[in-house]
Amino acid sequence: MDKKHVILVGMPGSGKSSLGFILAKLMWRPFIDSDYYIIKKEKKTVAEIFAEQGEDNFRKLEKQALSEIIASAPAVISTGGGMPCFYDNMDIMNEFAVTVYLEMTHEKLFEHLKNDKKRPLVKGKTPEELMDYINTTLEQRKQYYEKAAITVEAHNVTSVQLAMNLYKIING
């Protein structure tokens, strides 16, 4: 396991970044958030990239970022919610990493996302539109997320508790 990355996948709002930061500290590894990796490289926010270049171009940037990140030293990586669902990204993640799907209920995702003003795919939605987005998007993405080596329920547990549990699972 020492030579592999740990990659966290799941819906926006499932806690990938919070968990990843804590898990990386526990594992004495760098933490990489793929969205922030792209922001730093492109010198634009995800919202700006979506607005100026469209989602298709953003997905290409994600694919490129994944290639670069997995070529680096083993790290704990949180992906954007859509990254596993495009191209062969999930297959690549499974080849080079221990993948973890943070499964969360629709209601908890709604609670985490309802006041989010930064994510371009949920920004400005009414509560009804947000719940429709969560239901539809989770239905479309679940088949990719479920390819992860490990699935954990990410609701009703703190990020610290979840990180400690995952640390034990990953290290046997």
N, C-alpha and C. Protein backbone atom coordinates (compact mmCIF):
# COMPACT_ATOMS: atom_id res chain seq x y z
N MET A 1 0.82 -1.20 0.00
CA MET A 1 0.00 0.00 0.00
C MET A 1 0.86 1.25 0.00
N ASP A 2 2.05 1.20 0.58
CA ASP A 2 2.89 2.39 0.73
C ASP A 2 3.14 3.12 -0.59
N LYS A 3 3.19 2.39 -1.68
CA LYS A 3 3.58 2.99 -2.96
C LYS A 3 2.40 3.60 -3.71
N LYS A 4 1.20 3.43 -3.20
CA LYS A 4 0.03 3.91 -3.93
C LYS A 4 -0.53 5.18 -3.31
N HIS A 5 -1.18 5.96 -4.16
CA HIS A 5 -1.95 7.11 -3.71
C HIS A 5 -3.22 6.62 -3.04
N VAL A 6 -3.87 7.50 -2.30
CA VAL A 6 -5.24 7.28 -1.81
C VAL A 6 -6.06 8.37 -2.47
N ILE A 7 -7.09 7.98 -3.21
CA ILE A 7 -7.92 8.94 -3.93
C ILE A 7 -9.35 8.87 -3.43
N LEU A 8 -9.87 10.02 -3.01
CA LEU A 8 -11.23 10.13 -2.49
C LEU A 8 -12.17 10.62 -3.58
N VAL A 9 -13.26 9.89 -3.79
CA VAL A 9 -14.26 10.27 -4.79
C VAL A 9 -15.63 10.36 -4.13
N GLY A 10 -16.51 11.11 -4.75
CA GLY A 10 -17.87 11.25 -4.24
C GLY A 10 -18.46 12.56 -4.70
N MET A 11 -19.70 12.75 -4.33
CA MET A 11 -20.44 13.94 -4.74
C MET A 11 -19.84 15.21 -4.14
N PRO A 12 -20.06 16.35 -4.79
CA PRO A 12 -19.71 17.62 -4.15
C PRO A 12 -20.43 17.70 -2.81
N GLY A 13 -19.71 18.14 -1.79
CA GLY A 13 -20.31 18.26 -0.47
C GLY A 13 -20.21 17.02 0.39
N SER A 14 -19.57 15.96 -0.13
CA SER A 14 -19.47 14.72 0.64
C SER A 14 -18.31 14.73 1.64
N GLY A 15 -17.46 15.75 1.58
CA GLY A 15 -16.40 15.89 2.57
C GLY A 15 -15.03 15.40 2.12
N LYS A 16 -14.83 15.28 0.81
CA LYS A 16 -13.56 14.75 0.30
C LYS A 16 -12.37 15.61 0.72
N SER A 17 -12.49 16.92 0.59
CA SER A 17 -11.36 17.80 0.93
C SER A 17 -11.07 17.81 2.42
N SER A 18 -12.11 17.91 3.24
CA SER A 18 -11.91 17.92 4.69
C SER A 18 -11.28 16.62 5.15
N LEU A 19 -11.83 15.51 4.69
CA LEU A 19 -11.30 14.21 5.06
C LEU A 19 -9.89 14.02 4.53
N GLY A 20 -9.66 14.40 3.29
CA GLY A 20 -8.36 14.22 2.67
C GLY A 20 -7.25 14.92 3.42
N PHE A 21 -7.51 16.13 3.85
CA PHE A 21 -6.52 16.91 4.60
C PHE A 21 -6.12 16.17 5.89
N ILE A 22 -7.11 15.66 6.61
CA ILE A 22 -6.85 14.96 7.88
C ILE A 22 -6.16 13.63 7.62
N LEU A 23 -6.65 12.87 6.63
CA LEU A 23 -6.07 11.57 6.32
C LEU A 23 -4.61 11.70 5.88
N ALA A 24 -4.31 12.73 5.11
CA ALA A 24 -2.93 12.97 4.67
C ALA A 24 -2.00 13.19 5.87
N LYS A 25 -2.47 13.93 6.85
CA LYS A 25 -1.66 14.16 8.06
C LYS A 25 -1.43 12.84 8.80
N LEU A 26 -2.48 12.03 8.91
CA LEU A 26 -2.34 10.73 9.59
C LEU A 26 -1.35 9.82 8.86
N MET A 27 -1.35 9.90 7.55
CA MET A 27 -0.51 9.02 6.73
C MET A 27 0.87 9.62 6.42
N TRP A 28 1.11 10.83 6.91
CA TRP A 28 2.38 11.52 6.62
C TRP A 28 2.61 11.63 5.12
N ARG A 29 1.59 12.09 4.42
CA ARG A 29 1.66 12.25 2.97
C ARG A 29 1.18 13.64 2.60
N PRO A 30 1.57 14.10 1.42
CA PRO A 30 1.01 15.37 0.94
C PRO A 30 -0.47 15.20 0.63
N PHE A 31 -1.21 16.30 0.72
CA PHE A 31 -2.62 16.33 0.35
C PHE A 31 -2.76 17.16 -0.91
N ILE A 32 -3.47 16.61 -1.89
CA ILE A 32 -3.71 17.33 -3.14
C ILE A 32 -5.21 17.34 -3.42
N ASP A 33 -5.76 18.53 -3.56
CA ASP A 33 -7.15 18.70 -3.98
C ASP A 33 -7.09 18.98 -5.49
N SER A 34 -7.68 18.11 -6.29
CA SER A 34 -7.54 18.25 -7.75
C SER A 34 -8.10 19.57 -8.27
N ASP A 35 -9.18 20.07 -7.68
CA ASP A 35 -9.71 21.36 -8.12
C ASP A 35 -8.71 22.49 -7.86
N TYR A 36 -8.10 22.49 -6.67
CA TYR A 36 -7.11 23.52 -6.36
C TYR A 36 -5.84 23.38 -7.20
N TYR A 37 -5.51 22.16 -7.55
CA TYR A 37 -4.38 21.91 -8.45
C TYR A 37 -4.64 22.60 -9.79
N ILE A 38 -5.86 22.44 -10.29
CA ILE A 38 -6.24 23.06 -11.57
C ILE A 38 -6.29 24.58 -11.43
N ILE A 39 -6.87 25.08 -10.34
CA ILE A 39 -6.95 26.53 -10.10
C ILE A 39 -5.55 27.14 -10.11
N LYS A 40 -4.63 26.50 -9.42
CA LYS A 40 -3.26 27.02 -9.33
C LYS A 40 -2.59 27.02 -10.70
N LYS A 41 -2.79 25.94 -11.44
CA LYS A 41 -2.16 25.80 -12.76
C LYS A 41 -2.74 26.77 -13.78
N GLU A 42 -4.07 26.92 -13.77
CA GLU A 42 -4.75 27.76 -14.77
C GLU A 42 -4.85 29.23 -14.35
N LYS A 43 -4.60 29.49 -13.07
CA LYS A 43 -4.73 30.84 -12.51
C LYS A 43 -6.14 31.40 -12.71
N LYS A 44 -7.12 30.50 -12.58
CA LYS A 44 -8.54 30.85 -12.68
C LYS A 44 -9.31 29.93 -11.75
N THR A 45 -10.44 30.42 -11.24
CA THR A 45 -11.29 29.57 -10.41
C THR A 45 -12.01 28.54 -11.29
N VAL A 46 -12.54 27.51 -10.65
CA VAL A 46 -13.32 26.52 -11.39
C VAL A 46 -14.51 27.21 -12.06
N ALA A 47 -15.16 28.12 -11.33
CA ALA A 47 -16.30 28.85 -11.89
C ALA A 47 -15.89 29.65 -13.13
N GLU A 48 -14.73 30.29 -13.09
CA GLU A 48 -14.25 31.05 -14.24
C GLU A 48 -13.96 30.14 -15.42
N ILE A 49 -13.35 28.99 -15.16
CA ILE A 49 -13.06 28.04 -16.24
C ILE A 49 -14.36 27.56 -16.87
N PHE A 50 -15.35 27.20 -16.03
CA PHE A 50 -16.65 26.77 -16.55
C PHE A 50 -17.27 27.87 -17.40
N ALA A 51 -17.27 29.11 -16.90
CA ALA A 51 -17.91 30.23 -17.60
C ALA A 51 -17.21 30.57 -18.91
N GLU A 52 -15.88 30.56 -18.89
CA GLU A 52 -15.12 31.00 -20.06
C GLU A 52 -14.87 29.89 -21.08
N GLN A 53 -14.68 28.66 -20.58
CA GLN A 53 -14.24 27.58 -21.47
C GLN A 53 -15.23 26.41 -21.55
N GLY A 54 -16.21 26.40 -20.65
CA GLY A 54 -17.21 25.33 -20.67
C GLY A 54 -16.79 24.11 -19.87
N GLU A 55 -17.79 23.28 -19.58
CA GLU A 55 -17.53 22.08 -18.78
C GLU A 55 -16.62 21.09 -19.51
N ASP A 56 -16.79 20.94 -20.83
CA ASP A 56 -15.98 19.98 -21.57
C ASP A 56 -14.49 20.27 -21.42
N ASN A 57 -14.13 21.56 -21.52
CA ASN A 57 -12.72 21.91 -21.37
C ASN A 57 -12.24 21.67 -19.94
N PHE A 58 -13.11 21.97 -18.96
CA PHE A 58 -12.74 21.71 -17.58
C PHE A 58 -12.46 20.22 -17.37
N ARG A 59 -13.28 19.34 -17.98
CA ARG A 59 -13.07 17.89 -17.83
C ARG A 59 -11.75 17.46 -18.46
N LYS A 60 -11.34 18.13 -19.53
CA LYS A 60 -10.02 17.84 -20.14
C LYS A 60 -8.90 18.28 -19.19
N LEU A 61 -9.09 19.42 -18.55
CA LEU A 61 -8.09 19.89 -17.57
C LEU A 61 -8.00 18.91 -16.39
N GLU A 62 -9.14 18.37 -15.97
CA GLU A 62 -9.13 17.37 -14.90
C GLU A 62 -8.35 16.13 -15.31
N LYS A 63 -8.56 15.66 -16.53
CA LYS A 63 -7.87 14.48 -17.05
C LYS A 63 -6.36 14.71 -17.03
N GLN A 64 -5.94 15.88 -17.50
CA GLN A 64 -4.52 16.22 -17.51
C GLN A 64 -3.97 16.30 -16.08
N ALA A 65 -4.73 16.93 -15.19
CA ALA A 65 -4.31 17.05 -13.79
C ALA A 65 -4.14 15.67 -13.16
N LEU A 66 -5.08 14.77 -13.43
CA LEU A 66 -4.99 13.41 -12.88
C LEU A 66 -3.69 12.74 -13.33
N SER A 67 -3.36 12.86 -14.61
CA SER A 67 -2.11 12.27 -15.13
C SER A 67 -0.89 12.82 -14.41
N GLU A 68 -0.88 14.13 -14.19
CA GLU A 68 0.26 14.76 -13.53
C GLU A 68 0.33 14.37 -12.05
N ILE A 69 -0.81 14.35 -11.38
CA ILE A 69 -0.84 14.07 -9.95
C ILE A 69 -0.42 12.63 -9.66
N ILE A 70 -0.91 11.67 -10.45
CA ILE A 70 -0.55 10.28 -10.16
C ILE A 70 0.90 9.97 -10.49
N ALA A 71 1.54 10.84 -11.26
CA ALA A 71 2.97 10.66 -11.55
C ALA A 71 3.84 11.16 -10.39
N SER A 72 3.23 11.82 -9.42
CA SER A 72 3.99 12.37 -8.29
C SER A 72 4.11 11.33 -7.17
N ALA A 73 4.82 11.71 -6.11
CA ALA A 73 4.98 10.82 -4.95
C ALA A 73 3.62 10.51 -4.34
N PRO A 74 3.49 9.34 -3.70
CA PRO A 74 2.19 8.96 -3.13
C PRO A 74 1.60 10.06 -2.23
N ALA A 75 0.33 10.36 -2.48
CA ALA A 75 -0.36 11.44 -1.78
C ALA A 75 -1.79 11.00 -1.48
N VAL A 76 -2.47 11.79 -0.67
CA VAL A 76 -3.90 11.64 -0.49
C VAL A 76 -4.52 12.72 -1.38
N ILE A 77 -5.42 12.30 -2.25
CA ILE A 77 -5.96 13.17 -3.28
C ILE A 77 -7.48 13.22 -3.18
N SER A 78 -8.04 14.43 -3.16
CA SER A 78 -9.49 14.56 -3.27
C SER A 78 -9.78 15.05 -4.68
N THR A 79 -10.75 14.41 -5.30
CA THR A 79 -11.09 14.77 -6.68
C THR A 79 -12.31 15.68 -6.70
N GLY A 80 -12.47 16.37 -7.80
CA GLY A 80 -13.73 17.04 -8.04
C GLY A 80 -14.80 15.96 -8.19
N GLY A 81 -16.04 16.28 -7.87
CA GLY A 81 -17.10 15.28 -7.89
C GLY A 81 -17.30 14.59 -9.23
N GLY A 82 -17.02 15.30 -10.33
CA GLY A 82 -17.22 14.72 -11.66
C GLY A 82 -16.02 14.00 -12.23
N MET A 83 -14.84 14.20 -11.66
CA MET A 83 -13.63 13.62 -12.25
C MET A 83 -13.73 12.12 -12.52
N PRO A 84 -14.24 11.31 -11.62
CA PRO A 84 -14.28 9.86 -11.88
C PRO A 84 -15.20 9.46 -13.04
N CYS A 85 -16.07 10.36 -13.46
CA CYS A 85 -17.14 10.02 -14.40
C CYS A 85 -16.82 10.32 -15.85
N PHE A 86 -15.64 10.83 -16.12
CA PHE A 86 -15.29 11.20 -17.49
C PHE A 86 -14.06 10.44 -17.95
N TYR A 87 -14.01 10.22 -19.26
CA TYR A 87 -12.92 9.47 -19.89
C TYR A 87 -12.76 8.13 -19.17
N ASP A 88 -11.53 7.71 -18.97
CA ASP A 88 -11.27 6.46 -18.22
C ASP A 88 -10.66 6.80 -16.86
N ASN A 89 -11.02 7.96 -16.33
CA ASN A 89 -10.41 8.45 -15.09
C ASN A 89 -10.53 7.47 -13.93
N MET A 90 -11.71 6.88 -13.74
CA MET A 90 -11.89 5.98 -12.59
C MET A 90 -11.02 4.74 -12.73
N ASP A 91 -10.89 4.23 -13.95
CA ASP A 91 -10.02 3.06 -14.17
C ASP A 91 -8.56 3.40 -13.86
N ILE A 92 -8.13 4.58 -14.27
CA ILE A 92 -6.76 5.03 -13.99
C ILE A 92 -6.56 5.18 -12.49
N MET A 93 -7.54 5.78 -11.81
CA MET A 93 -7.44 5.94 -10.35
C MET A 93 -7.30 4.59 -9.67
N ASN A 94 -8.10 3.62 -10.09
CA ASN A 94 -8.04 2.29 -9.48
C ASN A 94 -6.71 1.58 -9.75
N GLU A 95 -6.09 1.90 -10.88
CA GLU A 95 -4.81 1.28 -11.21
C GLU A 95 -3.67 1.83 -10.34
N PHE A 96 -3.71 3.12 -10.05
CA PHE A 96 -2.59 3.77 -9.38
C PHE A 96 -2.86 4.17 -7.94
N ALA A 97 -4.04 3.80 -7.41
CA ALA A 97 -4.38 4.28 -6.07
C ALA A 97 -5.35 3.32 -5.38
N VAL A 98 -5.43 3.49 -4.09
CA VAL A 98 -6.54 2.92 -3.34
C VAL A 98 -7.64 3.97 -3.41
N THR A 99 -8.75 3.63 -4.03
CA THR A 99 -9.84 4.59 -4.21
C THR A 99 -10.89 4.40 -3.12
N VAL A 100 -11.43 5.51 -2.66
CA VAL A 100 -12.42 5.50 -1.59
C VAL A 100 -13.61 6.35 -2.01
N TYR A 101 -14.79 5.73 -2.01
CA TYR A 101 -16.03 6.44 -2.31
C TYR A 101 -16.67 6.89 -1.00
N LEU A 102 -16.84 8.20 -0.84
CA LEU A 102 -17.51 8.75 0.32
C LEU A 102 -19.00 8.83 0.00
N GLU A 103 -19.72 7.85 0.45
CA GLU A 103 -21.15 7.77 0.19
C GLU A 103 -21.89 8.62 1.22
N MET A 104 -22.86 9.38 0.74
CA MET A 104 -23.61 10.26 1.64
C MET A 104 -25.06 10.32 1.18
N THR A 105 -25.96 10.46 2.15
CA THR A 105 -27.38 10.53 1.81
C THR A 105 -27.69 11.82 1.04
N HIS A 106 -28.77 11.77 0.28
CA HIS A 106 -29.22 12.95 -0.49
C HIS A 106 -29.48 14.12 0.47
N GLU A 107 -30.07 13.82 1.62
CA GLU A 107 -30.41 14.87 2.59
C GLU A 107 -29.16 15.55 3.15
N LYS A 108 -28.13 14.76 3.47
CA LYS A 108 -26.88 15.34 4.00
C LYS A 108 -26.17 16.15 2.92
N LEU A 109 -26.18 15.66 1.69
CA LEU A 109 -25.58 16.43 0.59
C LEU A 109 -26.29 17.77 0.44
N PHE A 110 -27.61 17.75 0.52
CA PHE A 110 -28.39 18.98 0.43
C PHE A 110 -27.98 19.95 1.54
N GLU A 111 -27.87 19.44 2.77
CA GLU A 111 -27.47 20.29 3.91
C GLU A 111 -26.10 20.92 3.66
N HIS A 112 -25.18 20.15 3.10
CA HIS A 112 -23.82 20.66 2.86
C HIS A 112 -23.75 21.65 1.71
N LEU A 113 -24.65 21.52 0.75
CA LEU A 113 -24.57 22.33 -0.47
C LEU A 113 -25.53 23.51 -0.53
N LYS A 114 -26.53 23.55 0.34
CA LYS A 114 -27.61 24.53 0.19
C LYS A 114 -27.15 25.98 0.26
N ASN A 115 -26.07 26.26 0.96
CA ASN A 115 -25.57 27.64 1.06
C ASN A 115 -24.27 27.86 0.29
N ASP A 116 -23.91 26.90 -0.55
CA ASP A 116 -22.64 26.98 -1.29
C ASP A 116 -22.76 27.97 -2.44
N LYS A 117 -21.89 28.96 -2.44
CA LYS A 117 -21.92 29.98 -3.50
C LYS A 117 -20.75 29.83 -4.48
N LYS A 118 -19.87 28.84 -4.22
CA LYS A 118 -18.66 28.71 -5.02
C LYS A 118 -18.75 27.68 -6.14
N ARG A 119 -19.48 26.60 -5.92
CA ARG A 119 -19.50 25.51 -6.90
C ARG A 119 -20.39 25.90 -8.09
N PRO A 120 -19.82 25.92 -9.29
CA PRO A 120 -20.59 26.39 -10.44
C PRO A 120 -21.82 25.53 -10.76
N LEU A 121 -21.80 24.25 -10.44
CA LEU A 121 -22.93 23.40 -10.80
C LEU A 121 -24.10 23.49 -9.80
N VAL A 122 -23.89 24.11 -8.63
CA VAL A 122 -24.99 24.24 -7.66
C VAL A 122 -25.31 25.69 -7.32
N LYS A 123 -24.45 26.60 -7.69
CA LYS A 123 -24.61 28.02 -7.36
C LYS A 123 -25.93 28.57 -7.92
N GLY A 124 -26.67 29.26 -7.05
CA GLY A 124 -27.87 29.95 -7.50
C GLY A 124 -29.11 29.07 -7.67
N LYS A 125 -29.03 27.83 -7.29
CA LYS A 125 -30.19 26.94 -7.43
C LYS A 125 -31.17 27.15 -6.27
N THR A 126 -32.46 27.04 -6.58
CA THR A 126 -33.46 27.05 -5.52
C THR A 126 -33.35 25.72 -4.76
N PRO A 127 -33.92 25.62 -3.56
CA PRO A 127 -33.87 24.33 -2.84
C PRO A 127 -34.39 23.16 -3.68
N GLU A 128 -35.46 23.37 -4.43
CA GLU A 128 -36.02 22.31 -5.27
C GLU A 128 -35.04 21.94 -6.39
N GLU A 129 -34.46 22.95 -7.02
CA GLU A 129 -33.49 22.69 -8.10
C GLU A 129 -32.26 21.98 -7.55
N LEU A 130 -31.83 22.37 -6.36
CA LEU A 130 -30.66 21.73 -5.76
C LEU A 130 -30.94 20.26 -5.47
N MET A 131 -32.11 19.95 -4.91
CA MET A 131 -32.44 18.55 -4.63
C MET A 131 -32.56 17.76 -5.93
N ASP A 132 -33.13 18.36 -6.97
CA ASP A 132 -33.20 17.70 -8.28
C ASP A 132 -31.79 17.43 -8.81
N TYR A 133 -30.90 18.43 -8.69
CA TYR A 133 -29.51 18.27 -9.13
C TYR A 133 -28.85 17.10 -8.38
N ILE A 134 -29.01 17.06 -7.07
CA ILE A 134 -28.41 16.00 -6.26
C ILE A 134 -28.95 14.64 -6.70
N ASN A 135 -30.26 14.52 -6.82
CA ASN A 135 -30.87 13.24 -7.21
C ASN A 135 -30.40 12.78 -8.59
N THR A 136 -30.46 13.68 -9.56
CA THR A 136 -30.08 13.35 -10.93
C THR A 136 -28.59 13.04 -11.05
N THR A 137 -27.77 13.90 -10.47
CA THR A 137 -26.32 13.75 -10.59
C THR A 137 -25.83 12.50 -9.88
N LEU A 138 -26.34 12.25 -8.69
CA LEU A 138 -25.94 11.05 -7.96
C LEU A 138 -26.34 9.80 -8.74
N GLU A 139 -27.52 9.82 -9.32
CA GLU A 139 -27.98 8.68 -10.13
C GLU A 139 -27.02 8.42 -11.29
N GLN A 140 -26.57 9.49 -11.96
CA GLN A 140 -25.66 9.37 -13.11
C GLN A 140 -24.25 8.93 -12.68
N ARG A 141 -23.78 9.44 -11.55
CA ARG A 141 -22.39 9.24 -11.15
C ARG A 141 -22.14 8.00 -10.30
N LYS A 142 -23.18 7.50 -9.67
CA LYS A 142 -23.02 6.40 -8.70
C LYS A 142 -22.29 5.20 -9.31
N GLN A 143 -22.60 4.88 -10.57
CA GLN A 143 -21.95 3.73 -11.22
C GLN A 143 -20.43 3.88 -11.28
N TYR A 144 -19.95 5.11 -11.37
CA TYR A 144 -18.50 5.35 -11.38
C TYR A 144 -17.94 5.32 -9.97
N TYR A 145 -18.62 6.00 -9.06
CA TYR A 145 -18.17 6.04 -7.67
C TYR A 145 -18.09 4.63 -7.08
N GLU A 146 -19.05 3.79 -7.44
CA GLU A 146 -19.09 2.44 -6.87
C GLU A 146 -17.99 1.52 -7.39
N LYS A 147 -17.20 1.98 -8.36
CA LYS A 147 -16.03 1.22 -8.81
C LYS A 147 -14.86 1.36 -7.83
N ALA A 148 -14.99 2.25 -6.86
CA ALA A 148 -13.92 2.47 -5.88
C ALA A 148 -13.65 1.18 -5.10
N ALA A 149 -12.40 1.01 -4.68
CA ALA A 149 -12.00 -0.18 -3.92
C ALA A 149 -12.69 -0.24 -2.56
N ILE A 150 -12.93 0.93 -1.96
CA ILE A 150 -13.53 1.01 -0.63
C ILE A 150 -14.70 1.99 -0.70
N THR A 151 -15.82 1.62 -0.10
CA THR A 151 -16.95 2.53 0.04
C THR A 151 -17.21 2.74 1.52
N VAL A 152 -17.30 3.99 1.94
CA VAL A 152 -17.60 4.29 3.35
C VAL A 152 -18.78 5.25 3.42
N GLU A 153 -19.61 5.05 4.43
CA GLU A 153 -20.70 5.99 4.68
C GLU A 153 -20.10 7.22 5.34
N ALA A 154 -20.26 8.36 4.70
CA ALA A 154 -19.61 9.59 5.17
C ALA A 154 -20.54 10.49 5.96
N HIS A 155 -21.76 10.02 6.24
CA HIS A 155 -22.69 10.82 7.03
C HIS A 155 -22.72 10.26 8.46
N ASN A 156 -23.13 11.09 9.39
CA ASN A 156 -23.21 10.71 10.81
C ASN A 156 -21.87 10.31 11.41
N VAL A 157 -20.80 10.87 10.90
CA VAL A 157 -19.46 10.63 11.44
C VAL A 157 -18.63 11.88 11.16
N THR A 158 -17.74 12.25 12.08
CA THR A 158 -16.90 13.43 11.85
C THR A 158 -15.78 13.07 10.87
N SER A 159 -15.19 14.09 10.29
CA SER A 159 -14.06 13.87 9.37
C SER A 159 -12.90 13.19 10.09
N VAL A 160 -12.68 13.57 11.35
CA VAL A 160 -11.58 12.97 12.12
C VAL A 160 -11.85 11.49 12.36
N GLN A 161 -13.07 11.14 12.78
CA GLN A 161 -13.42 9.73 13.00
C GLN A 161 -13.27 8.93 11.70
N LEU A 162 -13.78 9.51 10.62
CA LEU A 162 -13.72 8.83 9.33
C LEU A 162 -12.28 8.64 8.87
N ALA A 163 -11.45 9.66 9.06
CA ALA A 163 -10.04 9.56 8.69
C ALA A 163 -9.34 8.44 9.48
N MET A 164 -9.62 8.38 10.76
CA MET A 164 -9.00 7.34 11.58
C MET A 164 -9.47 5.94 11.16
N ASN A 165 -10.75 5.81 10.86
CA ASN A 165 -11.28 4.52 10.39
C ASN A 165 -10.65 4.13 9.06
N LEU A 166 -10.57 5.07 8.14
CA LEU A 166 -9.97 4.80 6.83
C LEU A 166 -8.49 4.45 6.96
N TYR A 167 -7.79 5.16 7.80
CA TYR A 167 -6.38 4.88 8.03
C TYR A 167 -6.19 3.41 8.43
N LYS A 168 -7.03 2.94 9.34
CA LYS A 168 -6.96 1.54 9.79
C LYS A 168 -7.28 0.58 8.64
N ILE A 169 -8.32 0.89 7.86
CA ILE A 169 -8.70 0.03 6.74
C ILE A 169 -7.58 -0.05 5.71
N ILE A 170 -7.05 1.11 5.33
CA ILE A 170 -6.03 1.18 4.27
C ILE A 170 -4.74 0.49 4.71
N ASN A 171 -4.38 0.63 5.97
CA ASN A 171 -3.13 0.04 6.45
C ASN A 171 -3.32 -1.36 7.05
N GLY A 172 -4.48 -1.94 6.80
CA GLY A 172 -4.74 -3.32 7.22
C GLY A 172 -4.91 -3.45 8.70
